[in-house]
Amino acid sequence: MREQQLELVADERLGNAVIGIEPGAPIDIDLRLEALHDGILVTATVESTASGECVRCLIDVAEPVEVEIQEVFAYSEDEAFEYQVQDDHVNLEPVIRDAVVLSLPFQPVCQEDCLGLCPQCGVRLLDNPGHEHEEPTDPRWAKLAGLEGLTEATTTDVIGEEPDGDADREKR
């Protein structure tokens, strides 16, 4: 059995389109290798920090990544084992990549109650909690919007009658 602690640097991005471990980011691996009859049992804890953006409000987020791996690398090619020992070495890159990518959130958020962006103007709603817009006017009623300030005297001028037009008709 051998135990090692490795400090590596990511060669390529490990993640999805929204969040991942960026190239050049440090990756800490606490590694344990045990000899078995059929191969080598690799047990590892991988730690790093993933960076990306909140899917609701698009600000930058950073999330710690901690993944535990346990995989057997076989000495001979066998369908029961997915990985093989090659020239007395084990290639941990695909195992680490798969485990890290699967551990990342599919839709990362900056906080659980993130309200996102205003769909009309794009303002971040957590920064502006009282943000509102006026109700849109129904285009079918838009022509009537100008009649709100009219009084009874102005409506009779528009119609062409006096305010007491009914009383005058009764006198005639």
N, C-alpha and C. Protein backbone atom coordinates (compact mmCIF):
# COMPACT_ATOMS: atom_id res chain seq x y z
N MET A 1 0.85 -1.17 0.00
CA MET A 1 0.00 0.00 0.00
C MET A 1 0.90 1.24 0.00
N ARG A 2 0.47 2.25 -0.78
CA ARG A 2 1.17 3.54 -0.80
C ARG A 2 0.16 4.65 -0.64
N GLU A 3 0.55 5.66 0.08
CA GLU A 3 -0.28 6.85 0.24
C GLU A 3 0.53 8.05 -0.24
N GLN A 4 -0.13 8.92 -0.98
CA GLN A 4 0.52 10.11 -1.49
C GLN A 4 -0.46 11.27 -1.48
N GLN A 5 0.10 12.45 -1.35
CA GLN A 5 -0.68 13.67 -1.51
C GLN A 5 -0.11 14.42 -2.70
N LEU A 6 -0.97 14.68 -3.67
CA LEU A 6 -0.53 15.35 -4.89
C LEU A 6 -1.19 16.72 -5.00
N GLU A 7 -0.41 17.67 -5.48
CA GLU A 7 -0.95 18.99 -5.79
C GLU A 7 -0.71 19.21 -7.28
N LEU A 8 -1.80 19.14 -8.05
CA LEU A 8 -1.71 19.26 -9.51
C LEU A 8 -2.37 20.56 -9.96
N VAL A 9 -2.15 20.86 -11.21
CA VAL A 9 -2.79 22.02 -11.84
C VAL A 9 -3.61 21.48 -13.00
N ALA A 10 -4.85 21.96 -13.11
CA ALA A 10 -5.73 21.50 -14.19
C ALA A 10 -5.17 21.94 -15.54
N ASP A 11 -5.01 20.97 -16.45
CA ASP A 11 -4.52 21.27 -17.79
C ASP A 11 -5.62 21.82 -18.69
N GLU A 12 -6.82 21.33 -18.49
CA GLU A 12 -7.97 21.75 -19.29
C GLU A 12 -9.16 21.95 -18.37
N ARG A 13 -10.21 22.56 -18.89
CA ARG A 13 -11.41 22.82 -18.10
C ARG A 13 -12.11 21.51 -17.78
N LEU A 14 -12.44 21.33 -16.52
CA LEU A 14 -13.20 20.16 -16.07
C LEU A 14 -14.57 20.65 -15.63
N GLY A 15 -15.58 20.42 -16.43
CA GLY A 15 -16.90 20.87 -16.05
C GLY A 15 -17.85 20.92 -17.22
N ASN A 16 -18.95 21.66 -17.02
CA ASN A 16 -19.93 21.83 -18.08
C ASN A 16 -19.89 23.28 -18.57
N ALA A 17 -20.87 23.70 -19.34
CA ALA A 17 -20.84 25.03 -19.94
C ALA A 17 -21.01 26.14 -18.91
N VAL A 18 -21.60 25.84 -17.75
CA VAL A 18 -21.92 26.87 -16.77
C VAL A 18 -20.91 26.95 -15.64
N ILE A 19 -20.36 25.81 -15.21
CA ILE A 19 -19.44 25.80 -14.08
C ILE A 19 -18.40 24.71 -14.28
N GLY A 20 -17.20 24.98 -13.78
CA GLY A 20 -16.15 23.99 -13.90
C GLY A 20 -14.85 24.46 -13.25
N ILE A 21 -13.90 23.54 -13.18
CA ILE A 21 -12.56 23.86 -12.69
C ILE A 21 -11.79 24.39 -13.89
N GLU A 22 -11.33 25.62 -13.78
CA GLU A 22 -10.67 26.30 -14.90
C GLU A 22 -9.23 25.80 -15.07
N PRO A 23 -8.69 25.89 -16.28
CA PRO A 23 -7.28 25.53 -16.49
C PRO A 23 -6.38 26.39 -15.61
N GLY A 24 -5.42 25.76 -15.00
CA GLY A 24 -4.50 26.47 -14.11
C GLY A 24 -4.93 26.46 -12.65
N ALA A 25 -6.15 25.99 -12.37
CA ALA A 25 -6.63 25.94 -10.98
C ALA A 25 -5.96 24.76 -10.26
N PRO A 26 -5.64 24.94 -8.98
CA PRO A 26 -5.01 23.84 -8.24
C PRO A 26 -6.01 22.72 -7.92
N ILE A 27 -5.52 21.49 -7.96
CA ILE A 27 -6.31 20.31 -7.61
C ILE A 27 -5.49 19.53 -6.59
N ASP A 28 -6.05 19.34 -5.41
CA ASP A 28 -5.38 18.58 -4.35
C ASP A 28 -5.94 17.17 -4.34
N ILE A 29 -5.05 16.18 -4.34
CA ILE A 29 -5.47 14.78 -4.36
C ILE A 29 -4.79 14.05 -3.21
N ASP A 30 -5.62 13.45 -2.37
CA ASP A 30 -5.13 12.58 -1.29
C ASP A 30 -5.33 11.16 -1.80
N LEU A 31 -4.24 10.47 -2.10
CA LEU A 31 -4.28 9.23 -2.87
C LEU A 31 -3.81 8.05 -2.03
N ARG A 32 -4.48 6.92 -2.24
CA ARG A 32 -4.08 5.67 -1.58
C ARG A 32 -4.14 4.56 -2.63
N LEU A 33 -3.04 3.86 -2.81
CA LEU A 33 -2.94 2.76 -3.78
C LEU A 33 -2.71 1.46 -3.02
N GLU A 34 -3.56 0.46 -3.29
CA GLU A 34 -3.45 -0.83 -2.61
C GLU A 34 -3.34 -1.94 -3.65
N ALA A 35 -2.39 -2.83 -3.43
CA ALA A 35 -2.21 -3.96 -4.34
C ALA A 35 -3.26 -5.02 -4.05
N LEU A 36 -3.88 -5.51 -5.11
CA LEU A 36 -4.86 -6.59 -5.04
C LEU A 36 -4.37 -7.73 -5.92
N HIS A 37 -5.04 -8.85 -5.83
CA HIS A 37 -4.70 -9.99 -6.67
C HIS A 37 -4.93 -9.69 -8.15
N ASP A 38 -6.05 -8.98 -8.45
CA ASP A 38 -6.42 -8.68 -9.84
C ASP A 38 -5.88 -7.36 -10.36
N GLY A 39 -5.44 -6.48 -9.47
CA GLY A 39 -5.00 -5.16 -9.93
C GLY A 39 -4.64 -4.25 -8.77
N ILE A 40 -4.91 -2.98 -8.95
CA ILE A 40 -4.60 -1.96 -7.94
C ILE A 40 -5.88 -1.22 -7.59
N LEU A 41 -6.17 -1.15 -6.31
CA LEU A 41 -7.33 -0.39 -5.83
C LEU A 41 -6.87 1.03 -5.54
N VAL A 42 -7.49 1.98 -6.21
CA VAL A 42 -7.17 3.39 -6.03
C VAL A 42 -8.30 4.04 -5.25
N THR A 43 -7.96 4.62 -4.12
CA THR A 43 -8.91 5.39 -3.32
C THR A 43 -8.36 6.80 -3.23
N ALA A 44 -9.18 7.78 -3.57
CA ALA A 44 -8.67 9.15 -3.60
C ALA A 44 -9.76 10.13 -3.19
N THR A 45 -9.31 11.23 -2.61
CA THR A 45 -10.17 12.38 -2.34
C THR A 45 -9.61 13.54 -3.15
N VAL A 46 -10.46 14.11 -3.99
CA VAL A 46 -10.05 15.20 -4.87
C VAL A 46 -10.73 16.48 -4.39
N GLU A 47 -9.94 17.53 -4.20
CA GLU A 47 -10.48 18.82 -3.76
C GLU A 47 -10.00 19.93 -4.67
N SER A 48 -10.90 20.84 -4.99
CA SER A 48 -10.57 22.01 -5.80
C SER A 48 -11.71 23.01 -5.67
N THR A 49 -11.67 24.04 -6.49
CA THR A 49 -12.72 25.05 -6.51
C THR A 49 -13.20 25.23 -7.94
N ALA A 50 -14.51 25.11 -8.11
CA ALA A 50 -15.11 25.31 -9.43
C ALA A 50 -15.63 26.74 -9.51
N SER A 51 -15.48 27.35 -10.67
CA SER A 51 -15.99 28.69 -10.86
C SER A 51 -16.90 28.70 -12.08
N GLY A 52 -17.87 29.59 -12.03
CA GLY A 52 -18.84 29.71 -13.12
C GLY A 52 -19.74 30.89 -12.87
N GLU A 53 -20.99 30.79 -13.33
CA GLU A 53 -21.93 31.87 -13.11
C GLU A 53 -23.29 31.32 -12.70
N CYS A 54 -23.98 32.13 -11.92
CA CYS A 54 -25.33 31.78 -11.45
C CYS A 54 -26.26 31.72 -12.67
N VAL A 55 -27.04 30.67 -12.78
CA VAL A 55 -27.93 30.54 -13.94
C VAL A 55 -29.14 31.45 -13.85
N ARG A 56 -29.39 32.04 -12.67
CA ARG A 56 -30.54 32.93 -12.53
C ARG A 56 -30.17 34.40 -12.72
N CYS A 57 -29.04 34.83 -12.13
CA CYS A 57 -28.71 36.26 -12.19
C CYS A 57 -27.38 36.54 -12.89
N LEU A 58 -26.67 35.52 -13.32
CA LEU A 58 -25.46 35.62 -14.13
C LEU A 58 -24.26 36.26 -13.43
N ILE A 59 -24.23 36.28 -12.08
CA ILE A 59 -23.02 36.77 -11.41
C ILE A 59 -22.08 35.60 -11.21
N ASP A 60 -20.81 35.91 -10.97
CA ASP A 60 -19.81 34.86 -10.79
C ASP A 60 -20.03 34.11 -9.48
N VAL A 61 -19.86 32.80 -9.53
CA VAL A 61 -19.95 31.96 -8.33
C VAL A 61 -18.73 31.06 -8.28
N ALA A 62 -18.36 30.70 -7.07
CA ALA A 62 -17.27 29.75 -6.84
C ALA A 62 -17.77 28.72 -5.84
N GLU A 63 -17.62 27.47 -6.17
CA GLU A 63 -18.09 26.40 -5.30
C GLU A 63 -16.95 25.43 -5.02
N PRO A 64 -16.83 25.02 -3.76
CA PRO A 64 -15.81 24.01 -3.47
C PRO A 64 -16.21 22.66 -4.06
N VAL A 65 -15.22 21.92 -4.53
CA VAL A 65 -15.45 20.60 -5.08
C VAL A 65 -14.68 19.61 -4.22
N GLU A 66 -15.39 18.61 -3.73
CA GLU A 66 -14.75 17.52 -3.00
C GLU A 66 -15.39 16.22 -3.45
N VAL A 67 -14.56 15.36 -4.05
CA VAL A 67 -15.05 14.12 -4.63
C VAL A 67 -14.22 12.97 -4.09
N GLU A 68 -14.89 11.89 -3.75
CA GLU A 68 -14.19 10.67 -3.32
C GLU A 68 -14.28 9.65 -4.44
N ILE A 69 -13.16 9.03 -4.72
CA ILE A 69 -13.06 8.07 -5.82
C ILE A 69 -12.55 6.75 -5.27
N GLN A 70 -13.13 5.68 -5.77
CA GLN A 70 -12.61 4.34 -5.46
C GLN A 70 -12.79 3.51 -6.73
N GLU A 71 -11.66 3.10 -7.30
CA GLU A 71 -11.69 2.39 -8.57
C GLU A 71 -10.59 1.33 -8.60
N VAL A 72 -10.89 0.20 -9.25
CA VAL A 72 -9.90 -0.86 -9.41
C VAL A 72 -9.33 -0.78 -10.82
N PHE A 73 -8.00 -0.75 -10.89
CA PHE A 73 -7.29 -0.81 -12.17
C PHE A 73 -6.75 -2.23 -12.30
N ALA A 74 -7.22 -2.95 -13.33
CA ALA A 74 -6.89 -4.36 -13.50
C ALA A 74 -5.54 -4.53 -14.19
N TYR A 75 -4.86 -5.64 -13.86
CA TYR A 75 -3.60 -5.97 -14.51
C TYR A 75 -3.82 -6.46 -15.93
N SER A 76 -4.92 -7.16 -16.16
CA SER A 76 -5.20 -7.69 -17.50
C SER A 76 -6.53 -7.12 -17.99
N GLU A 77 -6.70 -7.16 -19.31
CA GLU A 77 -7.96 -6.66 -19.87
C GLU A 77 -9.07 -7.64 -19.54
N ASP A 78 -10.07 -7.13 -18.87
CA ASP A 78 -11.20 -7.94 -18.46
C ASP A 78 -12.44 -7.06 -18.53
N GLU A 79 -13.55 -7.64 -18.96
CA GLU A 79 -14.77 -6.87 -19.07
C GLU A 79 -15.29 -6.39 -17.73
N ALA A 80 -14.90 -7.04 -16.66
CA ALA A 80 -15.37 -6.66 -15.33
C ALA A 80 -14.75 -5.36 -14.85
N PHE A 81 -13.62 -4.96 -15.42
CA PHE A 81 -12.91 -3.76 -14.98
C PHE A 81 -12.88 -2.74 -16.11
N GLU A 82 -13.14 -1.53 -15.78
CA GLU A 82 -13.17 -0.47 -16.78
C GLU A 82 -11.78 0.09 -17.08
N TYR A 83 -10.88 0.06 -16.09
CA TYR A 83 -9.55 0.65 -16.25
C TYR A 83 -8.48 -0.42 -16.07
N GLN A 84 -7.34 -0.23 -16.76
CA GLN A 84 -6.24 -1.18 -16.68
C GLN A 84 -4.96 -0.48 -16.24
N VAL A 85 -4.08 -1.28 -15.63
CA VAL A 85 -2.73 -0.82 -15.30
C VAL A 85 -1.94 -0.90 -16.59
N GLN A 86 -1.25 0.18 -16.95
CA GLN A 86 -0.47 0.20 -18.19
C GLN A 86 0.98 0.54 -17.85
N ASP A 87 1.87 -0.38 -18.12
CA ASP A 87 3.30 -0.19 -17.85
C ASP A 87 3.55 0.18 -16.39
N ASP A 88 2.92 -0.53 -15.49
CA ASP A 88 3.04 -0.31 -14.05
C ASP A 88 2.58 1.08 -13.60
N HIS A 89 1.70 1.70 -14.39
CA HIS A 89 1.16 3.02 -14.04
C HIS A 89 -0.37 2.98 -14.14
N VAL A 90 -1.00 3.83 -13.36
CA VAL A 90 -2.44 4.01 -13.47
C VAL A 90 -2.69 5.44 -13.94
N ASN A 91 -3.58 5.59 -14.90
CA ASN A 91 -3.92 6.91 -15.42
C ASN A 91 -5.17 7.39 -14.69
N LEU A 92 -4.99 8.32 -13.77
CA LEU A 92 -6.11 8.81 -12.96
C LEU A 92 -6.92 9.90 -13.64
N GLU A 93 -6.41 10.47 -14.72
CA GLU A 93 -7.08 11.60 -15.35
C GLU A 93 -8.54 11.33 -15.73
N PRO A 94 -8.87 10.25 -16.46
CA PRO A 94 -10.28 10.03 -16.81
C PRO A 94 -11.16 9.77 -15.59
N VAL A 95 -10.62 9.12 -14.59
CA VAL A 95 -11.41 8.82 -13.38
C VAL A 95 -11.72 10.12 -12.65
N ILE A 96 -10.72 10.97 -12.48
CA ILE A 96 -10.91 12.25 -11.79
C ILE A 96 -11.84 13.15 -12.59
N ARG A 97 -11.62 13.23 -13.90
CA ARG A 97 -12.47 14.08 -14.75
C ARG A 97 -13.93 13.66 -14.65
N ASP A 98 -14.21 12.37 -14.77
CA ASP A 98 -15.58 11.89 -14.71
C ASP A 98 -16.22 12.18 -13.35
N ALA A 99 -15.48 11.94 -12.29
CA ALA A 99 -16.02 12.15 -10.94
C ALA A 99 -16.28 13.63 -10.67
N VAL A 100 -15.35 14.49 -11.09
CA VAL A 100 -15.52 15.93 -10.85
C VAL A 100 -16.69 16.47 -11.65
N VAL A 101 -16.77 16.14 -12.92
CA VAL A 101 -17.84 16.65 -13.77
C VAL A 101 -19.21 16.20 -13.25
N LEU A 102 -19.31 14.96 -12.82
CA LEU A 102 -20.59 14.47 -12.30
C LEU A 102 -20.96 15.08 -10.95
N SER A 103 -19.98 15.57 -10.20
CA SER A 103 -20.28 16.15 -8.89
C SER A 103 -20.71 17.61 -8.98
N LEU A 104 -20.45 18.26 -10.09
CA LEU A 104 -20.79 19.68 -10.23
C LEU A 104 -22.29 19.87 -10.37
N PRO A 105 -22.82 20.98 -9.84
CA PRO A 105 -24.25 21.24 -9.99
C PRO A 105 -24.60 21.51 -11.44
N PHE A 106 -25.76 21.01 -11.86
CA PHE A 106 -26.18 21.20 -13.25
C PHE A 106 -26.59 22.65 -13.49
N GLN A 107 -27.22 23.27 -12.47
CA GLN A 107 -27.63 24.67 -12.55
C GLN A 107 -27.18 25.39 -11.29
N PRO A 108 -25.95 25.88 -11.25
CA PRO A 108 -25.46 26.54 -10.04
C PRO A 108 -26.15 27.88 -9.81
N VAL A 109 -26.40 28.20 -8.54
CA VAL A 109 -26.99 29.48 -8.16
C VAL A 109 -26.12 30.15 -7.11
N CYS A 110 -26.17 31.47 -7.06
CA CYS A 110 -25.35 32.21 -6.10
C CYS A 110 -25.88 32.00 -4.68
N GLN A 111 -27.17 31.85 -4.53
CA GLN A 111 -27.80 31.47 -3.26
C GLN A 111 -29.15 30.84 -3.59
N GLU A 112 -29.64 30.03 -2.67
CA GLU A 112 -30.84 29.24 -2.95
C GLU A 112 -32.06 30.09 -3.31
N ASP A 113 -32.20 31.26 -2.70
CA ASP A 113 -33.37 32.09 -2.96
C ASP A 113 -33.10 33.20 -3.97
N CYS A 114 -32.16 32.98 -4.88
CA CYS A 114 -31.83 33.97 -5.90
C CYS A 114 -33.07 34.20 -6.77
N LEU A 115 -33.42 35.48 -6.94
CA LEU A 115 -34.61 35.83 -7.70
C LEU A 115 -34.34 36.01 -9.19
N GLY A 116 -33.06 36.09 -9.55
CA GLY A 116 -32.70 36.20 -10.96
C GLY A 116 -32.74 37.63 -11.45
N LEU A 117 -33.02 37.79 -12.74
CA LEU A 117 -33.04 39.09 -13.40
C LEU A 117 -34.47 39.47 -13.77
N CYS A 118 -34.72 40.77 -13.83
CA CYS A 118 -36.03 41.27 -14.28
C CYS A 118 -36.17 40.90 -15.76
N PRO A 119 -37.26 40.26 -16.15
CA PRO A 119 -37.41 39.86 -17.55
C PRO A 119 -37.60 41.03 -18.52
N GLN A 120 -37.96 42.22 -17.98
CA GLN A 120 -38.17 43.36 -18.86
C GLN A 120 -36.92 44.20 -19.06
N CYS A 121 -36.18 44.45 -17.97
CA CYS A 121 -35.04 45.37 -18.10
C CYS A 121 -33.70 44.74 -17.71
N GLY A 122 -33.68 43.54 -17.12
CA GLY A 122 -32.44 42.86 -16.81
C GLY A 122 -31.79 43.25 -15.50
N VAL A 123 -32.47 43.99 -14.63
CA VAL A 123 -31.92 44.38 -13.33
C VAL A 123 -31.90 43.16 -12.42
N ARG A 124 -30.82 43.00 -11.65
CA ARG A 124 -30.71 41.90 -10.69
C ARG A 124 -31.68 42.16 -9.54
N LEU A 125 -32.64 41.27 -9.35
CA LEU A 125 -33.72 41.49 -8.39
C LEU A 125 -33.27 41.41 -6.93
N LEU A 126 -32.19 40.71 -6.62
CA LEU A 126 -31.70 40.69 -5.23
C LEU A 126 -31.12 42.04 -4.83
N ASP A 127 -30.54 42.77 -5.78
CA ASP A 127 -30.00 44.09 -5.50
C ASP A 127 -31.09 45.16 -5.42
N ASN A 128 -32.22 44.93 -6.05
CA ASN A 128 -33.34 45.87 -6.09
C ASN A 128 -34.62 45.15 -5.69
N PRO A 129 -34.85 44.92 -4.39
CA PRO A 129 -36.01 44.11 -3.98
C PRO A 129 -37.37 44.72 -4.31
N GLY A 130 -37.49 46.04 -4.38
CA GLY A 130 -38.79 46.66 -4.68
C GLY A 130 -38.96 46.99 -6.14
N HIS A 131 -38.17 46.39 -6.99
CA HIS A 131 -38.19 46.71 -8.43
C HIS A 131 -39.51 46.28 -9.05
N GLU A 132 -40.18 47.25 -9.71
CA GLU A 132 -41.45 46.96 -10.40
C GLU A 132 -41.52 47.78 -11.68
N HIS A 133 -42.39 47.37 -12.55
CA HIS A 133 -42.68 48.11 -13.78
C HIS A 133 -44.17 48.37 -13.81
N GLU A 134 -44.58 49.43 -14.55
CA GLU A 134 -46.01 49.69 -14.71
C GLU A 134 -46.62 48.57 -15.54
N GLU A 135 -47.88 48.30 -15.26
CA GLU A 135 -48.59 47.28 -16.03
C GLU A 135 -48.65 47.73 -17.49
N PRO A 136 -48.37 46.85 -18.40
CA PRO A 136 -48.45 47.25 -19.81
C PRO A 136 -49.91 47.52 -20.20
N THR A 137 -50.11 48.54 -21.02
CA THR A 137 -51.46 48.90 -21.46
C THR A 137 -51.88 47.97 -22.58
N ASP A 138 -53.10 47.48 -22.45
CA ASP A 138 -53.67 46.63 -23.49
C ASP A 138 -53.85 47.50 -24.74
N PRO A 139 -53.30 47.10 -25.87
CA PRO A 139 -53.38 47.94 -27.07
C PRO A 139 -54.82 48.21 -27.51
N ARG A 140 -55.75 47.38 -27.12
CA ARG A 140 -57.14 47.61 -27.51
C ARG A 140 -57.74 48.79 -26.76
N TRP A 141 -57.18 49.12 -25.58
CA TRP A 141 -57.69 50.22 -24.76
C TRP A 141 -56.78 51.44 -24.81
N ALA A 142 -55.72 51.39 -25.58
CA ALA A 142 -54.73 52.47 -25.61
C ALA A 142 -55.34 53.81 -26.04
N LYS A 143 -56.28 53.84 -26.95
CA LYS A 143 -56.90 55.08 -27.41
C LYS A 143 -57.69 55.76 -26.30
N LEU A 144 -58.22 54.99 -25.37
CA LEU A 144 -59.02 55.56 -24.29
C LEU A 144 -58.17 56.11 -23.15
N ALA A 145 -56.86 55.86 -23.17
CA ALA A 145 -56.00 56.31 -22.09
C ALA A 145 -55.98 57.83 -21.98
N GLY A 146 -56.18 58.56 -23.04
CA GLY A 146 -56.18 60.03 -23.02
C GLY A 146 -57.44 60.61 -22.43
N LEU A 147 -58.47 59.84 -22.21
CA LEU A 147 -59.75 60.35 -21.68
C LEU A 147 -59.80 60.40 -20.16
N GLU A 148 -58.75 59.95 -19.47
CA GLU A 148 -58.77 59.89 -18.02
C GLU A 148 -58.92 61.26 -17.36
N GLY A 149 -58.34 62.31 -17.89
CA GLY A 149 -58.35 63.62 -17.25
C GLY A 149 -59.54 64.49 -17.64
N LEU A 150 -60.40 64.01 -18.44
CA LEU A 150 -61.54 64.80 -18.88
C LEU A 150 -62.59 64.94 -17.78
N THR A 151 -63.19 66.16 -17.68
CA THR A 151 -64.27 66.40 -16.71
C THR A 151 -65.59 66.41 -17.44
N GLU A 152 -66.68 66.61 -16.71
CA GLU A 152 -68.00 66.61 -17.33
C GLU A 152 -68.17 67.77 -18.29
N ALA A 153 -67.60 68.93 -17.95
CA ALA A 153 -67.71 70.10 -18.83
C ALA A 153 -66.97 69.86 -20.14
N THR A 154 -65.83 69.24 -20.08
CA THR A 154 -65.09 69.00 -21.32
C THR A 154 -65.74 67.90 -22.14
N THR A 155 -66.39 66.96 -21.51
CA THR A 155 -67.07 65.91 -22.29
C THR A 155 -68.27 66.47 -23.03
N THR A 156 -68.96 67.46 -22.45
CA THR A 156 -70.10 68.05 -23.18
C THR A 156 -69.62 68.86 -24.35
N ASP A 157 -68.44 69.47 -24.21
CA ASP A 157 -67.89 70.22 -25.33
C ASP A 157 -67.55 69.26 -26.47
N VAL A 158 -67.05 68.10 -26.11
CA VAL A 158 -66.68 67.12 -27.13
C VAL A 158 -67.93 66.57 -27.79
N ILE A 159 -68.97 66.31 -26.99
CA ILE A 159 -70.19 65.71 -27.53
C ILE A 159 -71.05 66.77 -28.22
N GLY A 160 -71.03 68.00 -27.72
CA GLY A 160 -71.81 69.08 -28.34
C GLY A 160 -73.08 69.41 -27.59
N GLU A 161 -73.26 68.96 -26.37
CA GLU A 161 -74.44 69.27 -25.58
C GLU A 161 -74.02 70.01 -24.33
N GLU A 162 -74.96 70.66 -23.71
CA GLU A 162 -74.72 71.32 -22.43
C GLU A 162 -74.92 70.30 -21.33
N PRO A 163 -74.40 70.59 -20.14
CA PRO A 163 -74.53 69.64 -19.06
C PRO A 163 -75.98 69.31 -18.73
N ASP A 164 -76.87 70.27 -18.83
CA ASP A 164 -78.28 70.02 -18.49
C ASP A 164 -79.11 69.88 -19.76
N GLY A 165 -78.64 69.23 -20.73
CA GLY A 165 -79.32 69.10 -22.02
C GLY A 165 -80.63 68.37 -21.90
N ASP A 166 -80.76 67.41 -21.02
CA ASP A 166 -82.01 66.66 -20.85
C ASP A 166 -83.09 67.56 -20.26
N ALA A 167 -82.72 68.43 -19.32
CA ALA A 167 -83.70 69.33 -18.69
C ALA A 167 -84.22 70.33 -19.69
N ASP A 168 -83.37 70.81 -20.62
CA ASP A 168 -83.80 71.77 -21.62
C ASP A 168 -84.75 71.12 -22.61
N ARG A 169 -84.57 69.87 -22.91
CA ARG A 169 -85.47 69.18 -23.84
C ARG A 169 -86.86 69.03 -23.24
N GLU A 170 -86.91 68.83 -21.94
CA GLU A 170 -88.22 68.65 -21.31
C GLU A 170 -89.00 69.95 -21.31
N LYS A 171 -88.32 71.11 -21.23
CA LYS A 171 -88.99 72.41 -21.24
C LYS A 171 -89.54 72.71 -22.61
N ARG A 172 -89.00 72.26 -23.68
CA ARG A 172 -89.44 72.58 -25.03
C ARG A 172 -90.66 71.88 -25.37
